[in-house]
Amino acid sequence: MVFKGHVRNGVVVLDESADLPEGVEVRVEPVERKTLADRLRNVIGSVPDLPEDLADNHDHYIHGTPKQ
């Protein structure tokens, strides 16, 4: 079972109450919050020789529609 919570004044406080017996061993792992750019950093810029206007005209390059 997974419980969510937050750290307040150095103590983990669960978002909802949990019926856990006194002394039970638990594991606390911080949730890593990354931006989309952070998650995709290893692939950003990895394709060489793309047109400079690809973002504006991707339909042209993919489907052959007129350029914007």
N, C-alpha and C. Protein backbone atom coordinates (compact mmCIF):
# COMPACT_ATOMS: atom_id res chain seq x y z
N MET A 1 0.84 -1.18 0.00
CA MET A 1 0.00 0.00 0.00
C MET A 1 0.89 1.24 0.00
N VAL A 2 0.48 2.26 -0.73
CA VAL A 2 1.25 3.50 -0.83
C VAL A 2 0.46 4.63 -0.18
N PHE A 3 1.15 5.41 0.64
CA PHE A 3 0.54 6.57 1.28
C PHE A 3 1.28 7.81 0.81
N LYS A 4 0.54 8.88 0.57
CA LYS A 4 1.17 10.14 0.16
C LYS A 4 1.17 11.09 1.34
N GLY A 5 2.20 11.94 1.36
CA GLY A 5 2.29 12.92 2.43
C GLY A 5 3.27 14.02 2.08
N HIS A 6 3.53 14.88 3.03
CA HIS A 6 4.43 16.00 2.86
C HIS A 6 5.28 16.17 4.11
N VAL A 7 6.40 16.82 3.96
CA VAL A 7 7.27 17.11 5.11
C VAL A 7 6.86 18.46 5.68
N ARG A 8 6.58 18.48 6.98
CA ARG A 8 6.25 19.71 7.70
C ARG A 8 7.14 19.79 8.93
N ASN A 9 7.95 20.83 8.97
CA ASN A 9 8.86 21.02 10.10
C ASN A 9 9.74 19.80 10.34
N GLY A 10 10.18 19.18 9.25
CA GLY A 10 11.08 18.05 9.36
C GLY A 10 10.43 16.72 9.67
N VAL A 11 9.09 16.67 9.68
CA VAL A 11 8.37 15.43 9.98
C VAL A 11 7.46 15.09 8.81
N VAL A 12 7.42 13.82 8.43
CA VAL A 12 6.53 13.38 7.35
C VAL A 12 5.11 13.30 7.91
N VAL A 13 4.20 14.04 7.27
CA VAL A 13 2.79 14.04 7.66
C VAL A 13 2.00 13.46 6.49
N LEU A 14 1.27 12.38 6.75
CA LEU A 14 0.49 11.74 5.69
C LEU A 14 -0.72 12.61 5.33
N ASP A 15 -1.08 12.59 4.04
CA ASP A 15 -2.23 13.36 3.57
C ASP A 15 -3.54 12.80 4.14
N GLU A 16 -3.61 11.48 4.30
CA GLU A 16 -4.79 10.84 4.87
C GLU A 16 -4.33 9.93 6.02
N SER A 17 -5.22 9.69 6.95
CA SER A 17 -4.84 8.84 8.07
C SER A 17 -4.62 7.41 7.59
N ALA A 18 -3.71 6.72 8.25
CA ALA A 18 -3.40 5.34 7.91
C ALA A 18 -3.43 4.52 9.20
N ASP A 19 -4.05 3.36 9.12
CA ASP A 19 -4.14 2.49 10.29
C ASP A 19 -2.92 1.57 10.31
N LEU A 20 -1.79 2.13 10.75
CA LEU A 20 -0.55 1.37 10.82
C LEU A 20 -0.24 1.07 12.28
N PRO A 21 0.15 -0.17 12.57
CA PRO A 21 0.47 -0.50 13.96
C PRO A 21 1.73 0.21 14.44
N GLU A 22 1.78 0.54 15.71
CA GLU A 22 2.93 1.21 16.30
C GLU A 22 4.18 0.36 16.07
N GLY A 23 5.25 1.00 15.61
CA GLY A 23 6.53 0.32 15.42
C GLY A 23 6.71 -0.35 14.07
N VAL A 24 5.69 -0.28 13.21
CA VAL A 24 5.81 -0.91 11.89
C VAL A 24 6.89 -0.19 11.09
N GLU A 25 7.69 -0.94 10.37
CA GLU A 25 8.75 -0.36 9.55
C GLU A 25 8.14 0.19 8.27
N VAL A 26 8.54 1.39 7.88
CA VAL A 26 8.05 2.01 6.65
C VAL A 26 9.25 2.52 5.85
N ARG A 27 9.01 2.81 4.59
CA ARG A 27 10.04 3.39 3.72
C ARG A 27 9.49 4.69 3.16
N VAL A 28 10.28 5.74 3.23
CA VAL A 28 9.88 7.05 2.71
C VAL A 28 10.80 7.40 1.56
N GLU A 29 10.21 7.67 0.39
CA GLU A 29 10.98 8.04 -0.79
C GLU A 29 10.48 9.39 -1.29
N PRO A 30 11.36 10.36 -1.48
CA PRO A 30 10.91 11.64 -2.03
C PRO A 30 10.43 11.48 -3.46
N VAL A 31 9.40 12.20 -3.80
CA VAL A 31 8.87 12.19 -5.16
C VAL A 31 9.65 13.24 -5.95
N GLU A 32 10.29 12.78 -7.00
CA GLU A 32 11.10 13.69 -7.81
C GLU A 32 10.19 14.40 -8.81
N ARG A 33 10.17 15.72 -8.73
CA ARG A 33 9.34 16.50 -9.65
C ARG A 33 10.24 17.14 -10.70
N LYS A 34 10.16 16.61 -11.92
CA LYS A 34 10.97 17.13 -13.00
C LYS A 34 10.07 17.79 -14.04
N THR A 35 10.60 18.80 -14.69
CA THR A 35 9.88 19.42 -15.79
C THR A 35 9.97 18.51 -17.00
N LEU A 36 9.14 18.76 -17.99
CA LEU A 36 9.19 17.98 -19.22
C LEU A 36 10.56 18.11 -19.87
N ALA A 37 11.12 19.30 -19.87
CA ALA A 37 12.45 19.51 -20.45
C ALA A 37 13.50 18.69 -19.70
N ASP A 38 13.40 18.60 -18.37
CA ASP A 38 14.34 17.79 -17.60
C ASP A 38 14.22 16.32 -17.95
N ARG A 39 12.98 15.83 -18.10
CA ARG A 39 12.77 14.42 -18.43
C ARG A 39 13.24 14.07 -19.83
N LEU A 40 13.18 15.04 -20.76
CA LEU A 40 13.55 14.77 -22.15
C LEU A 40 14.94 15.29 -22.51
N ARG A 41 15.68 15.76 -21.51
CA ARG A 41 16.98 16.37 -21.76
C ARG A 41 17.93 15.48 -22.58
N ASN A 42 17.87 14.17 -22.38
CA ASN A 42 18.79 13.28 -23.10
C ASN A 42 18.45 13.14 -24.58
N VAL A 43 17.26 13.56 -25.02
CA VAL A 43 16.92 13.48 -26.44
C VAL A 43 16.79 14.85 -27.11
N ILE A 44 16.69 15.91 -26.33
CA ILE A 44 16.57 17.24 -26.91
C ILE A 44 17.84 17.57 -27.70
N GLY A 45 17.66 17.93 -28.94
CA GLY A 45 18.79 18.29 -29.80
C GLY A 45 19.58 17.10 -30.32
N SER A 46 19.04 15.90 -30.18
CA SER A 46 19.80 14.71 -30.59
C SER A 46 19.64 14.38 -32.07
N VAL A 47 18.72 15.04 -32.77
CA VAL A 47 18.54 14.79 -34.20
C VAL A 47 19.22 15.92 -34.97
N PRO A 48 20.26 15.59 -35.72
CA PRO A 48 21.00 16.63 -36.45
C PRO A 48 20.30 17.06 -37.73
N ASP A 49 20.68 18.23 -38.22
CA ASP A 49 20.27 18.73 -39.54
C ASP A 49 18.77 18.90 -39.72
N LEU A 50 18.06 19.36 -38.71
CA LEU A 50 16.64 19.66 -38.86
C LEU A 50 16.50 21.09 -39.36
N PRO A 51 15.44 21.37 -40.15
CA PRO A 51 15.22 22.74 -40.62
C PRO A 51 14.97 23.68 -39.44
N GLU A 52 15.46 24.92 -39.54
CA GLU A 52 15.28 25.89 -38.46
C GLU A 52 13.82 26.24 -38.22
N ASP A 53 12.97 26.10 -39.24
CA ASP A 53 11.55 26.44 -39.10
C ASP A 53 10.67 25.22 -38.87
N LEU A 54 11.25 24.13 -38.38
CA LEU A 54 10.49 22.90 -38.19
C LEU A 54 9.31 23.09 -37.24
N ALA A 55 9.49 23.82 -36.16
CA ALA A 55 8.40 24.01 -35.20
C ALA A 55 7.23 24.73 -35.84
N ASP A 56 7.50 25.72 -36.69
CA ASP A 56 6.43 26.48 -37.34
C ASP A 56 5.80 25.73 -38.50
N ASN A 57 6.57 24.88 -39.16
CA ASN A 57 6.11 24.24 -40.39
C ASN A 57 6.17 22.71 -40.35
N HIS A 58 5.95 22.13 -39.18
CA HIS A 58 6.05 20.67 -39.09
C HIS A 58 5.05 19.96 -39.99
N ASP A 59 3.84 20.53 -40.19
CA ASP A 59 2.88 19.90 -41.10
C ASP A 59 3.40 19.88 -42.54
N HIS A 60 4.13 20.90 -42.92
CA HIS A 60 4.73 20.93 -44.25
C HIS A 60 5.74 19.79 -44.41
N TYR A 61 6.62 19.64 -43.42
CA TYR A 61 7.67 18.64 -43.52
C TYR A 61 7.14 17.21 -43.34
N ILE A 62 6.07 17.05 -42.57
CA ILE A 62 5.54 15.71 -42.33
C ILE A 62 4.50 15.31 -43.37
N HIS A 63 3.58 16.26 -43.70
CA HIS A 63 2.44 15.92 -44.56
C HIS A 63 2.47 16.63 -45.91
N GLY A 64 3.38 17.55 -46.13
CA GLY A 64 3.46 18.23 -47.41
C GLY A 64 2.51 19.40 -47.57
N THR A 65 1.90 19.88 -46.50
CA THR A 65 1.01 21.04 -46.60
C THR A 65 1.85 22.29 -46.88
N PRO A 66 1.22 23.36 -47.39
CA PRO A 66 1.99 24.58 -47.66
C PRO A 66 2.62 25.13 -46.37
N LYS A 67 3.79 25.77 -46.52
CA LYS A 67 4.47 26.38 -45.37
C LYS A 67 3.65 27.55 -44.86
N GLN A 68 3.78 27.83 -43.56
CA GLN A 68 3.08 28.95 -42.93
C GLN A 68 3.75 30.26 -43.29
